[in-house]
PDB file of all heavy atoms in Angstrom:
ATOM      1  N   ALA A   1     -25.147  18.481  34.188  1.00  0.00           N
ATOM      2  CA  ALA A   1     -25.967  19.685  34.210  1.00  0.00           C
ATOM      3  C   ALA A   1     -25.190  20.851  33.617  1.00  0.00           C
ATOM      4  O   ALA A   1     -23.951  20.849  33.581  1.00  0.00           O
ATOM      5  CB  ALA A   1     -26.402  20.013  35.636  1.00  0.00           C
ATOM      6  N   ALA A   2     -25.921  21.862  33.137  1.00  0.00           N
ATOM      7  CA  ALA A   2     -25.284  23.067  32.597  1.00  0.00           C
ATOM      8  C   ALA A   2     -26.279  24.208  32.578  1.00  0.00           C
ATOM      9  O   ALA A   2     -27.498  24.000  32.571  1.00  0.00           O
ATOM     10  CB  ALA A   2     -24.734  22.816  31.199  1.00  0.00           C
ATOM     11  N   ARG A   3     -25.731  25.436  32.545  1.00  0.00           N
ATOM     12  CA  ARG A   3     -26.532  26.643  32.360  1.00  0.00           C
ATOM     13  C   ARG A   3     -25.893  27.472  31.250  1.00  0.00           C
ATOM     14  O   ARG A   3     -24.668  27.599  31.202  1.00  0.00           O
ATOM     15  CB  ARG A   3     -26.585  27.484  33.646  1.00  0.00           C
ATOM     16  CG  ARG A   3     -27.357  26.829  34.777  1.00  0.00           C
ATOM     17  CD  ARG A   3     -27.342  27.727  36.009  1.00  0.00           C
ATOM     18  NE  ARG A   3     -28.069  27.138  37.125  1.00  0.00           N
ATOM     19  CZ  ARG A   3     -29.359  27.271  37.326  1.00  0.00           C
ATOM     20  NH1 ARG A   3     -30.084  28.025  36.506  1.00  0.00           N
ATOM     21  NH2 ARG A   3     -29.940  26.701  38.354  1.00  0.00           N
ATOM     22  N   PHE A   4     -26.723  28.014  30.358  1.00  0.00           N
ATOM     23  CA  PHE A   4     -26.261  28.882  29.286  1.00  0.00           C
ATOM     24  C   PHE A   4     -27.030  30.198  29.337  1.00  0.00           C
ATOM     25  O   PHE A   4     -28.226  30.209  29.633  1.00  0.00           O
ATOM     26  CB  PHE A   4     -26.514  28.242  27.909  1.00  0.00           C
ATOM     27  CG  PHE A   4     -25.487  27.231  27.484  1.00  0.00           C
ATOM     28  CD1 PHE A   4     -25.445  25.972  28.072  1.00  0.00           C
ATOM     29  CD2 PHE A   4     -24.579  27.526  26.472  1.00  0.00           C
ATOM     30  CE1 PHE A   4     -24.512  25.034  27.678  1.00  0.00           C
ATOM     31  CE2 PHE A   4     -23.644  26.592  26.063  1.00  0.00           C
ATOM     32  CZ  PHE A   4     -23.604  25.341  26.666  1.00  0.00           C
ATOM     33  N   ARG A   5     -26.336  31.273  28.987  1.00  0.00           N
ATOM     34  CA  ARG A   5     -26.993  32.568  28.852  1.00  0.00           C
ATOM     35  C   ARG A   5     -26.477  33.231  27.581  1.00  0.00           C
ATOM     36  O   ARG A   5     -25.269  33.443  27.423  1.00  0.00           O
ATOM     37  CB  ARG A   5     -26.723  33.464  30.054  1.00  0.00           C
ATOM     38  CG  ARG A   5     -27.425  34.821  29.975  1.00  0.00           C
ATOM     39  CD  ARG A   5     -27.310  35.579  31.280  1.00  0.00           C
ATOM     40  NE  ARG A   5     -25.948  35.929  31.605  1.00  0.00           N
ATOM     41  CZ  ARG A   5     -25.324  37.036  31.146  1.00  0.00           C
ATOM     42  NH1 ARG A   5     -25.972  37.855  30.323  1.00  0.00           N
ATOM     43  NH2 ARG A   5     -24.098  37.292  31.503  1.00  0.00           N
ATOM     44  N   ALA A   6     -27.375  33.543  26.645  1.00  0.00           N
ATOM     45  CA  ALA A   6     -26.989  34.244  25.423  1.00  0.00           C
ATOM     46  C   ALA A   6     -26.477  35.639  25.768  1.00  0.00           C
ATOM     47  O   ALA A   6     -27.057  36.322  26.609  1.00  0.00           O
ATOM     48  CB  ALA A   6     -28.154  34.321  24.457  1.00  0.00           C
ATOM     49  N   LEU A   7     -25.397  36.069  25.105  1.00  0.00           N
ATOM     50  CA  LEU A   7     -24.775  37.348  25.426  1.00  0.00           C
ATOM     51  C   LEU A   7     -25.292  38.495  24.581  1.00  0.00           C
ATOM     52  O   LEU A   7     -25.031  39.660  24.890  1.00  0.00           O
ATOM     53  CB  LEU A   7     -23.254  37.241  25.264  1.00  0.00           C
ATOM     54  CG  LEU A   7     -22.570  36.256  26.210  1.00  0.00           C
ATOM     55  CD1 LEU A   7     -21.072  36.229  25.952  1.00  0.00           C
ATOM     56  CD2 LEU A   7     -22.857  36.615  27.663  1.00  0.00           C
ATOM     57  N   THR A   8     -26.019  38.206  23.500  1.00  0.00           N
ATOM     58  CA  THR A   8     -26.552  39.245  22.636  1.00  0.00           C
ATOM     59  C   THR A   8     -27.759  38.705  21.885  1.00  0.00           C
ATOM     60  O   THR A   8     -27.911  37.487  21.754  1.00  0.00           O
ATOM     61  CB  THR A   8     -25.478  39.718  21.628  1.00  0.00           C
ATOM     62  OG1 THR A   8     -26.050  40.687  20.745  1.00  0.00           O
ATOM     63  CG2 THR A   8     -24.961  38.548  20.806  1.00  0.00           C
ATOM     64  N   ARG A   9     -28.590  39.616  21.410  1.00  0.00           N
ATOM     65  CA  ARG A   9     -29.716  39.229  20.568  1.00  0.00           C
ATOM     66  C   ARG A   9     -29.324  39.142  19.101  1.00  0.00           C
ATOM     67  O   ARG A   9     -30.072  38.625  18.278  1.00  0.00           O
ATOM     68  CB  ARG A   9     -30.878  40.215  20.741  1.00  0.00           C
ATOM     69  CG  ARG A   9     -31.515  40.174  22.124  1.00  0.00           C
ATOM     70  CD  ARG A   9     -32.712  41.097  22.184  1.00  0.00           C
ATOM     71  NE  ARG A   9     -33.361  41.035  23.487  1.00  0.00           N
ATOM     72  CZ  ARG A   9     -34.297  40.147  23.811  1.00  0.00           C
ATOM     73  NH1 ARG A   9     -34.676  39.250  22.915  1.00  0.00           N
ATOM     74  NH2 ARG A   9     -34.846  40.143  25.007  1.00  0.00           N
ATOM     75  N   ILE A  10     -28.165  39.662  18.777  1.00  0.00           N
ATOM     76  CA  ILE A  10     -27.688  39.653  17.390  1.00  0.00           C
ATOM     77  C   ILE A  10     -27.195  38.257  17.035  1.00  0.00           C
ATOM     78  O   ILE A  10     -26.414  37.652  17.788  1.00  0.00           O
ATOM     79  CB  ILE A  10     -26.577  40.684  17.179  1.00  0.00           C
ATOM     80  CG1 ILE A  10     -27.089  42.089  17.506  1.00  0.00           C
ATOM     81  CG2 ILE A  10     -26.030  40.620  15.753  1.00  0.00           C
ATOM     82  CD1 ILE A  10     -26.013  43.144  17.504  1.00  0.00           C
ATOM     83  N   SER A  11     -27.643  37.740  15.892  1.00  0.00           N
ATOM     84  CA  SER A  11     -27.244  36.397  15.487  1.00  0.00           C
ATOM     85  C   SER A  11     -26.683  36.419  14.073  1.00  0.00           C
ATOM     86  O   SER A  11     -26.923  37.355  13.300  1.00  0.00           O
ATOM     87  CB  SER A  11     -28.433  35.430  15.566  1.00  0.00           C
ATOM     88  OG  SER A  11     -29.462  35.823  14.679  1.00  0.00           O
ATOM     89  N   LEU A  12     -25.942  35.386  13.742  1.00  0.00           N
ATOM     90  CA  LEU A  12     -25.332  35.241  12.429  1.00  0.00           C
ATOM     91  C   LEU A  12     -25.774  33.920  11.835  1.00  0.00           C
ATOM     92  O   LEU A  12     -25.653  32.870  12.479  1.00  0.00           O
ATOM     93  CB  LEU A  12     -23.805  35.262  12.559  1.00  0.00           C
ATOM     94  CG  LEU A  12     -23.004  34.965  11.289  1.00  0.00           C
ATOM     95  CD1 LEU A  12     -23.191  36.083  10.268  1.00  0.00           C
ATOM     96  CD2 LEU A  12     -21.523  34.797  11.632  1.00  0.00           C
ATOM     97  N   ARG A  13     -26.307  33.964  10.623  1.00  0.00           N
ATOM     98  CA  ARG A  13     -26.685  32.727   9.948  1.00  0.00           C
ATOM     99  C   ARG A  13     -25.430  31.983   9.533  1.00  0.00           C
ATOM    100  O   ARG A  13     -24.554  32.554   8.885  1.00  0.00           O
ATOM    101  CB  ARG A  13     -27.568  33.007   8.735  1.00  0.00           C
ATOM    102  CG  ARG A  13     -28.939  33.523   9.118  1.00  0.00           C
ATOM    103  CD  ARG A  13     -29.939  33.382   7.986  1.00  0.00           C
ATOM    104  NE  ARG A  13     -31.272  33.755   8.434  1.00  0.00           N
ATOM    105  CZ  ARG A  13     -32.107  32.931   9.051  1.00  0.00           C
ATOM    106  NH1 ARG A  13     -31.745  31.672   9.285  1.00  0.00           N
ATOM    107  NH2 ARG A  13     -33.304  33.343   9.435  1.00  0.00           N
ATOM    108  N   LEU A  14     -25.359  30.709   9.894  1.00  0.00           N
ATOM    109  CA  LEU A  14     -24.137  29.951   9.649  1.00  0.00           C
ATOM    110  C   LEU A  14     -24.466  28.514   9.262  1.00  0.00           C
ATOM    111  O   LEU A  14     -24.875  27.716  10.103  1.00  0.00           O
ATOM    112  CB  LEU A  14     -23.257  29.948  10.913  1.00  0.00           C
ATOM    113  CG  LEU A  14     -21.902  29.252  10.777  1.00  0.00           C
ATOM    114  CD1 LEU A  14     -21.012  30.028   9.821  1.00  0.00           C
ATOM    115  CD2 LEU A  14     -21.239  29.106  12.138  1.00  0.00           C
ATOM    116  N   PRO A  15     -24.286  28.152   7.986  1.00  0.00           N
ATOM    117  CA  PRO A  15     -24.425  26.739   7.604  1.00  0.00           C
ATOM    118  C   PRO A  15     -23.162  25.971   8.018  1.00  0.00           C
ATOM    119  O   PRO A  15     -22.051  26.509   7.983  1.00  0.00           O
ATOM    120  CB  PRO A  15     -24.569  26.802   6.081  1.00  0.00           C
ATOM    121  CG  PRO A  15     -23.869  28.055   5.684  1.00  0.00           C
ATOM    122  CD  PRO A  15     -24.023  29.020   6.826  1.00  0.00           C
ATOM    123  N   VAL A  16     -23.352  24.734   8.419  1.00  0.00           N
ATOM    124  CA  VAL A  16     -22.247  23.894   8.879  1.00  0.00           C
ATOM    125  C   VAL A  16     -22.376  22.523   8.231  1.00  0.00           C
ATOM    126  O   VAL A  16     -23.478  21.972   8.150  1.00  0.00           O
ATOM    127  CB  VAL A  16     -22.259  23.734  10.421  1.00  0.00           C
ATOM    128  CG1 VAL A  16     -21.122  22.834  10.879  1.00  0.00           C
ATOM    129  CG2 VAL A  16     -22.161  25.092  11.097  1.00  0.00           C
ATOM    130  N   ALA A  17     -21.246  21.975   7.776  1.00  0.00           N
ATOM    131  CA  ALA A  17     -21.224  20.621   7.232  1.00  0.00           C
ATOM    132  C   ALA A  17     -19.969  19.918   7.731  1.00  0.00           C
ATOM    133  O   ALA A  17     -18.879  20.492   7.711  1.00  0.00           O
ATOM    134  CB  ALA A  17     -21.252  20.647   5.710  1.00  0.00           C
ATOM    135  N   PHE A  18     -20.135  18.689   8.207  1.00  0.00           N
ATOM    136  CA  PHE A  18     -18.988  17.931   8.708  1.00  0.00           C
ATOM    137  C   PHE A  18     -19.332  16.449   8.658  1.00  0.00           C
ATOM    138  O   PHE A  18     -20.437  16.064   8.266  1.00  0.00           O
ATOM    139  CB  PHE A  18     -18.633  18.365  10.130  1.00  0.00           C
ATOM    140  CG  PHE A  18     -19.734  18.196  11.145  1.00  0.00           C
ATOM    141  CD1 PHE A  18     -19.797  17.072  11.953  1.00  0.00           C
ATOM    142  CD2 PHE A  18     -20.712  19.174  11.294  1.00  0.00           C
ATOM    143  CE1 PHE A  18     -20.804  16.924  12.882  1.00  0.00           C
ATOM    144  CE2 PHE A  18     -21.730  19.040  12.217  1.00  0.00           C
ATOM    145  CZ  PHE A  18     -21.774  17.906  13.020  1.00  0.00           C
ATOM    146  N   ARG A  19     -18.385  15.612   9.050  1.00  0.00           N
ATOM    147  CA  ARG A  19     -18.606  14.169   9.109  1.00  0.00           C
ATOM    148  C   ARG A  19     -18.308  13.656  10.513  1.00  0.00           C
ATOM    149  O   ARG A  19     -17.371  14.125  11.169  1.00  0.00           O
ATOM    150  CB  ARG A  19     -17.744  13.428   8.085  1.00  0.00           C
ATOM    151  CG  ARG A  19     -18.189  13.669   6.649  1.00  0.00           C
ATOM    152  CD  ARG A  19     -17.283  12.977   5.651  1.00  0.00           C
ATOM    153  NE  ARG A  19     -17.706  13.246   4.287  1.00  0.00           N
ATOM    154  CZ  ARG A  19     -18.503  12.461   3.569  1.00  0.00           C
ATOM    155  NH1 ARG A  19     -18.949  11.332   4.097  1.00  0.00           N
ATOM    156  NH2 ARG A  19     -18.846  12.777   2.339  1.00  0.00           N
ATOM    157  N   VAL A  20     -19.115  12.707  10.946  1.00  0.00           N
ATOM    158  CA  VAL A  20     -18.932  12.060  12.238  1.00  0.00           C
ATOM    159  C   VAL A  20     -18.252  10.713  12.008  1.00  0.00           C
ATOM    160  O   VAL A  20     -18.681   9.929  11.158  1.00  0.00           O
ATOM    161  CB  VAL A  20     -20.282  11.868  12.953  1.00  0.00           C
ATOM    162  CG1 VAL A  20     -20.113  11.024  14.209  1.00  0.00           C
ATOM    163  CG2 VAL A  20     -20.889  13.228  13.303  1.00  0.00           C
ATOM    164  N   ALA A  21     -17.191  10.459  12.761  1.00  0.00           N
ATOM    165  CA  ALA A  21     -16.423   9.218  12.642  1.00  0.00           C
ATOM    166  C   ALA A  21     -16.673   8.355  13.875  1.00  0.00           C
ATOM    167  O   ALA A  21     -16.351   8.769  14.997  1.00  0.00           O
ATOM    168  CB  ALA A  21     -14.930   9.517  12.507  1.00  0.00           C
ATOM    169  N   GLN A  22     -17.260   7.187  13.693  1.00  0.00           N
ATOM    170  CA  GLN A  22     -17.567   6.263  14.791  1.00  0.00           C
ATOM    171  C   GLN A  22     -17.095   4.854  14.434  1.00  0.00           C
ATOM    172  O   GLN A  22     -16.775   4.570  13.273  1.00  0.00           O
ATOM    173  CB  GLN A  22     -19.070   6.239  15.058  1.00  0.00           C
ATOM    174  CG  GLN A  22     -19.690   7.568  15.407  1.00  0.00           C
ATOM    175  CD  GLN A  22     -19.210   8.154  16.723  1.00  0.00           C
ATOM    176  OE1 GLN A  22     -18.956   9.336  16.835  1.00  0.00           O
ATOM    177  NE2 GLN A  22     -19.058   7.296  17.728  1.00  0.00           N
ATOM    178  N   THR A  23     -17.093   3.978  15.422  1.00  0.00           N
ATOM    179  CA  THR A  23     -16.824   2.569  15.185  1.00  0.00           C
ATOM    180  C   THR A  23     -18.152   1.842  15.050  1.00  0.00           C
ATOM    181  O   THR A  23     -18.987   1.880  15.949  1.00  0.00           O
ATOM    182  CB  THR A  23     -16.018   1.952  16.337  1.00  0.00           C
ATOM    183  OG1 THR A  23     -14.788   2.662  16.480  1.00  0.00           O
ATOM    184  CG2 THR A  23     -15.720   0.481  16.064  1.00  0.00           C
ATOM    185  N   ARG A  24     -18.359   1.198  13.916  1.00  0.00           N
ATOM    186  CA  ARG A  24     -19.582   0.447  13.652  1.00  0.00           C
ATOM    187  C   ARG A  24     -19.198  -0.899  13.073  1.00  0.00           C
ATOM    188  O   ARG A  24     -18.471  -0.976  12.101  1.00  0.00           O
ATOM    189  CB  ARG A  24     -20.490   1.204  12.680  1.00  0.00           C
ATOM    190  CG  ARG A  24     -21.802   0.492  12.339  1.00  0.00           C
ATOM    191  CD  ARG A  24     -22.661   1.416  11.499  1.00  0.00           C
ATOM    192  NE  ARG A  24     -23.888   0.760  11.064  1.00  0.00           N
ATOM    193  CZ  ARG A  24     -24.018   0.161   9.885  1.00  0.00           C
ATOM    194  NH1 ARG A  24     -23.004   0.136   9.018  1.00  0.00           N
ATOM    195  NH2 ARG A  24     -25.167  -0.404   9.544  1.00  0.00           N
ATOM    196  N   ALA A  25     -19.674  -1.970  13.708  1.00  0.00           N
ATOM    197  CA  ALA A  25     -19.331  -3.338  13.291  1.00  0.00           C
ATOM    198  C   ALA A  25     -17.823  -3.525  13.242  1.00  0.00           C
ATOM    199  O   ALA A  25     -17.299  -4.219  12.362  1.00  0.00           O
ATOM    200  CB  ALA A  25     -19.965  -3.659  11.946  1.00  0.00           C
ATOM    201  N   GLY A  26     -17.125  -2.907  14.194  1.00  0.00           N
ATOM    202  CA  GLY A  26     -15.687  -3.076  14.304  1.00  0.00           C
ATOM    203  C   GLY A  26     -14.863  -2.279  13.313  1.00  0.00           C
ATOM    204  O   GLY A  26     -13.635  -2.417  13.276  1.00  0.00           O
ATOM    205  N   ARG A  27     -15.499  -1.420  12.506  1.00  0.00           N
ATOM    206  CA  ARG A  27     -14.783  -0.661  11.491  1.00  0.00           C
ATOM    207  C   ARG A  27     -15.123   0.824  11.590  1.00  0.00           C
ATOM    208  O   ARG A  27     -16.140   1.201  12.176  1.00  0.00           O
ATOM    209  CB  ARG A  27     -15.139  -1.180  10.088  1.00  0.00           C
ATOM    210  CG  ARG A  27     -14.845  -2.639   9.875  1.00  0.00           C
ATOM    211  CD  ARG A  27     -15.256  -3.098   8.486  1.00  0.00           C
ATOM    212  NE  ARG A  27     -14.519  -2.390   7.446  1.00  0.00           N
ATOM    213  CZ  ARG A  27     -14.717  -2.597   6.151  1.00  0.00           C
ATOM    214  NH1 ARG A  27     -15.657  -3.443   5.719  1.00  0.00           N
ATOM    215  NH2 ARG A  27     -13.996  -1.924   5.259  1.00  0.00           N
ATOM    216  N   LEU A  28     -14.259   1.649  10.991  1.00  0.00           N
ATOM    217  CA  LEU A  28     -14.513   3.086  10.944  1.00  0.00           C
ATOM    218  C   LEU A  28     -15.714   3.372  10.051  1.00  0.00           C
ATOM    219  O   LEU A  28     -15.792   2.885   8.921  1.00  0.00           O
ATOM    220  CB  LEU A  28     -13.281   3.809  10.401  1.00  0.00           C
ATOM    221  CG  LEU A  28     -13.410   5.324  10.219  1.00  0.00           C
ATOM    222  CD1 LEU A  28     -13.588   6.015  11.561  1.00  0.00           C
ATOM    223  CD2 LEU A  28     -12.191   5.872   9.484  1.00  0.00           C
ATOM    224  N   HIS A  29     -16.667   4.154  10.564  1.00  0.00           N
ATOM    225  CA  HIS A  29     -17.873   4.494   9.817  1.00  0.00           C
ATOM    226  C   HIS A  29     -18.009   6.008   9.811  1.00  0.00           C
ATOM    227  O   HIS A  29     -18.034   6.650  10.868  1.00  0.00           O
ATOM    228  CB  HIS A  29     -19.105   3.859  10.463  1.00  0.00           C
ATOM    229  CG  HIS A  29     -20.381   4.092   9.704  1.00  0.00           C
ATOM    230  ND1 HIS A  29     -20.748   3.338   8.624  1.00  0.00           N
ATOM    231  CD2 HIS A  29     -21.362   5.017   9.875  1.00  0.00           C
ATOM    232  CE1 HIS A  29     -21.900   3.769   8.149  1.00  0.00           C
ATOM    233  NE2 HIS A  29     -22.304   4.792   8.888  1.00  0.00           N
ATOM    234  N   LEU A  30     -18.106   6.612   8.611  1.00  0.00           N
ATOM    235  CA  LEU A  30     -18.217   8.061   8.461  1.00  0.00           C
ATOM    236  C   LEU A  30     -19.636   8.439   8.075  1.00  0.00           C
ATOM    237  O   LEU A  30     -20.203   7.857   7.148  1.00  0.00           O
ATOM    238  CB  LEU A  30     -17.235   8.565   7.399  1.00  0.00           C
ATOM    239  CG  LEU A  30     -15.755   8.257   7.642  1.00  0.00           C
ATOM    240  CD1 LEU A  30     -14.905   8.838   6.520  1.00  0.00           C
ATOM    241  CD2 LEU A  30     -15.297   8.781   8.998  1.00  0.00           C
ATOM    242  N   THR A  31     -20.194   9.422   8.774  1.00  0.00           N
ATOM    243  CA  THR A  31     -21.569   9.861   8.543  1.00  0.00           C
ATOM    244  C   THR A  31     -21.593  11.354   8.254  1.00  0.00           C
ATOM    245  O   THR A  31     -21.104  12.151   9.062  1.00  0.00           O
ATOM    246  CB  THR A  31     -22.441   9.572   9.774  1.00  0.00           C
ATOM    247  OG1 THR A  31     -22.404   8.182  10.072  1.00  0.00           O
ATOM    248  CG2 THR A  31     -23.885  10.005   9.529  1.00  0.00           C
ATOM    249  N   PRO A  32     -22.176  11.785   7.121  1.00  0.00           N
ATOM    250  CA  PRO A  32     -22.264  13.224   6.838  1.00  0.00           C
ATOM    251  C   PRO A  32     -23.357  13.896   7.668  1.00  0.00           C
ATOM    252  O   PRO A  32     -24.413  13.323   7.914  1.00  0.00           O
ATOM    253  CB  PRO A  32     -22.602  13.263   5.345  1.00  0.00           C
ATOM    254  CG  PRO A  32     -23.305  11.976   5.085  1.00  0.00           C
ATOM    255  CD  PRO A  32     -22.714  10.967   6.028  1.00  0.00           C
ATOM    256  N   VAL A  33     -23.080  15.128   8.082  1.00  0.00           N
ATOM    257  CA  VAL A  33     -24.036  15.937   8.829  1.00  0.00           C
ATOM    258  C   VAL A  33     -24.054  17.328   8.193  1.00  0.00           C
ATOM    259  O   VAL A  33     -22.998  17.922   7.958  1.00  0.00           O
ATOM    260  CB  VAL A  33     -23.659  16.055  10.315  1.00  0.00           C
ATOM    261  CG1 VAL A  33     -24.709  16.873  11.075  1.00  0.00           C
ATOM    262  CG2 VAL A  33     -23.486  14.686  10.939  1.00  0.00           C
ATOM    263  N   ARG A  34     -25.246  17.835   7.905  1.00  0.00           N
ATOM    264  CA  ARG A  34     -25.404  19.170   7.344  1.00  0.00           C
ATOM    265  C   ARG A  34     -26.392  19.951   8.200  1.00  0.00           C
ATOM    266  O   ARG A  34     -27.459  19.432   8.536  1.00  0.00           O
ATOM    267  CB  ARG A  34     -25.914  19.095   5.908  1.00  0.00           C
ATOM    268  CG  ARG A  34     -24.877  18.615   4.891  1.00  0.00           C
ATOM    269  CD  ARG A  34     -25.425  17.633   3.917  1.00  0.00           C
ATOM    270  NE  ARG A  34     -25.730  16.344   4.552  1.00  0.00           N
ATOM    271  CZ  ARG A  34     -26.320  15.347   3.934  1.00  0.00           C
ATOM    272  NH1 ARG A  34     -26.723  15.473   2.697  1.00  0.00           N
ATOM    273  NH2 ARG A  34     -26.541  14.211   4.574  1.00  0.00           N
ATOM    274  N   CYS A  35     -26.022  21.185   8.553  1.00  0.00           N
ATOM    275  CA  CYS A  35     -26.862  22.011   9.425  1.00  0.00           C
ATOM    276  C   CYS A  35     -26.942  23.427   8.874  1.00  0.00           C
ATOM    277  O   CYS A  35     -26.015  23.901   8.227  1.00  0.00           O
ATOM    278  CB  CYS A  35     -26.292  22.098  10.839  1.00  0.00           C
ATOM    279  SG  CYS A  35     -25.824  20.556  11.607  1.00  0.00           S
ATOM    280  N   ARG A  36     -28.040  24.080   9.179  1.00  0.00           N
ATOM    281  CA  ARG A  36     -28.129  25.521   8.975  1.00  0.00           C
ATOM    282  C   ARG A  36     -28.947  26.104  10.113  1.00  0.00           C
ATOM    283  O   ARG A  36     -29.887  25.484  10.615  1.00  0.00           O
ATOM    284  CB  ARG A  36     -28.730  25.871   7.621  1.00  0.00           C
ATOM    285  CG  ARG A  36     -30.107  25.316   7.339  1.00  0.00           C
ATOM    286  CD  ARG A  36     -30.528  25.617   5.909  1.00  0.00           C
ATOM    287  NE  ARG A  36     -31.802  25.000   5.558  1.00  0.00           N
ATOM    288  CZ  ARG A  36     -32.988  25.567   5.733  1.00  0.00           C
ATOM    289  NH1 ARG A  36     -33.046  26.772   6.256  1.00  0.00           N
ATOM    290  NH2 ARG A  36     -34.092  24.946   5.382  1.00  0.00           N
ATOM    291  N   GLY A  37     -28.550  27.286  10.538  1.00  0.00           N
ATOM    292  CA  GLY A  37     -29.222  27.923  11.649  1.00  0.00           C
ATOM    293  C   GLY A  37     -28.578  29.258  11.970  1.00  0.00           C
ATOM    294  O   GLY A  37     -27.781  29.791  11.183  1.00  0.00           O
ATOM    295  N   ARG A  38     -28.904  29.819  13.132  1.00  0.00           N
ATOM    296  CA  ARG A  38     -28.382  31.119  13.558  1.00  0.00           C
ATOM    297  C   ARG A  38     -27.552  30.921  14.817  1.00  0.00           C
ATOM    298  O   ARG A  38     -27.977  30.231  15.748  1.00  0.00           O
ATOM    299  CB  ARG A  38     -29.527  32.104  13.804  1.00  0.00           C
ATOM    300  CG  ARG A  38     -30.313  32.429  12.533  1.00  0.00           C
ATOM    301  CD  ARG A  38     -31.387  33.476  12.756  1.00  0.00           C
ATOM    302  NE  ARG A  38     -32.434  33.019  13.668  1.00  0.00           N
ATOM    303  CZ  ARG A  38     -32.646  33.491  14.877  1.00  0.00           C
ATOM    304  NH1 ARG A  38     -31.865  34.435  15.376  1.00  0.00           N
ATOM    305  NH2 ARG A  38     -33.634  33.020  15.613  1.00  0.00           N
ATOM    306  N   ILE A  39     -26.393  31.564  14.857  1.00  0.00           N
ATOM    307  CA  ILE A  39     -25.453  31.358  15.951  1.00  0.00           C
ATOM    308  C   ILE A  39     -25.297  32.636  16.765  1.00  0.00           C
ATOM    309  O   ILE A  39     -25.308  33.739  16.211  1.00  0.00           O
ATOM    310  CB  ILE A  39     -24.086  30.880  15.393  1.00  0.00           C
ATOM    311  CG1 ILE A  39     -23.213  30.316  16.508  1.00  0.00           C
ATOM    312  CG2 ILE A  39     -23.382  31.977  14.619  1.00  0.00           C
ATOM    313  CD1 ILE A  39     -22.000  29.594  16.001  1.00  0.00           C
ATOM    314  N   ARG A  40     -25.217  32.465  18.098  1.00  0.00           N
ATOM    315  CA  ARG A  40     -24.992  33.594  18.996  1.00  0.00           C
ATOM    316  C   ARG A  40     -23.982  33.191  20.063  1.00  0.00           C
ATOM    317  O   ARG A  40     -23.977  32.040  20.521  1.00  0.00           O
ATOM    318  CB  ARG A  40     -26.292  34.008  19.687  1.00  0.00           C
ATOM    319  CG  ARG A  40     -27.272  34.735  18.790  1.00  0.00           C
ATOM    320  CD  ARG A  40     -28.340  35.433  19.617  1.00  0.00           C
ATOM    321  NE  ARG A  40     -29.372  34.527  20.075  1.00  0.00           N
ATOM    322  CZ  ARG A  40     -30.227  34.803  21.064  1.00  0.00           C
ATOM    323  NH1 ARG A  40     -30.129  35.931  21.735  1.00  0.00           N
ATOM    324  NH2 ARG A  40     -31.161  33.934  21.398  1.00  0.00           N
ATOM    325  N   PRO A  41     -23.126  34.116  20.505  1.00  0.00           N
ATOM    326  CA  PRO A  41     -22.216  33.804  21.609  1.00  0.00           C
ATOM    327  C   PRO A  41     -22.989  33.656  22.912  1.00  0.00           C
ATOM    328  O   PRO A  41     -24.033  34.282  23.112  1.00  0.00           O
ATOM    329  CB  PRO A  41     -21.261  34.996  21.643  1.00  0.00           C
ATOM    330  CG  PRO A  41     -22.062  36.121  21.049  1.00  0.00           C
ATOM    331  CD  PRO A  41     -22.937  35.495  20.007  1.00  0.00           C
ATOM    332  N   ALA A  42     -22.461  32.834  23.802  1.00  0.00           N
ATOM    333  CA  ALA A  42     -23.134  32.584  25.076  1.00  0.00           C
ATOM    334  C   ALA A  42     -22.095  32.415  26.171  1.00  0.00           C
ATOM    335  O   ALA A  42     -20.891  32.250  25.916  1.00  0.00           O
ATOM    336  CB  ALA A  42     -24.004  31.337  24.980  1.00  0.00           C
ATOM    337  N   ARG A  43     -22.566  32.467  27.403  1.00  0.00           N
ATOM    338  CA  ARG A  43     -21.745  32.156  28.570  1.00  0.00           C
ATOM    339  C   ARG A  43     -22.328  30.904  29.210  1.00  0.00           C
ATOM    340  O   ARG A  43     -23.548  30.784  29.339  1.00  0.00           O
ATOM    341  CB  ARG A  43     -21.753  33.321  29.562  1.00  0.00           C
ATOM    342  CG  ARG A  43     -20.899  33.088  30.805  1.00  0.00           C
ATOM    343  CD  ARG A  43     -20.817  34.362  31.619  1.00  0.00           C
ATOM    344  NE  ARG A  43     -20.129  35.405  30.857  1.00  0.00           N
ATOM    345  CZ  ARG A  43     -20.257  36.709  31.096  1.00  0.00           C
ATOM    346  NH1 ARG A  43     -21.077  37.126  32.050  1.00  0.00           N
ATOM    347  NH2 ARG A  43     -19.589  37.588  30.379  1.00  0.00           N
TER     348      ARG A  43
END
């Protein structure tokens, strides 16, 4: 369980790109992930 509360209404547009590394069929498998959205600090 968790609770989040946004600390401000001001947001910043932030694109993110990274790769996820998992074990698939006994070997290292890399998967690309691309995101875009708006980010805000929270507690």
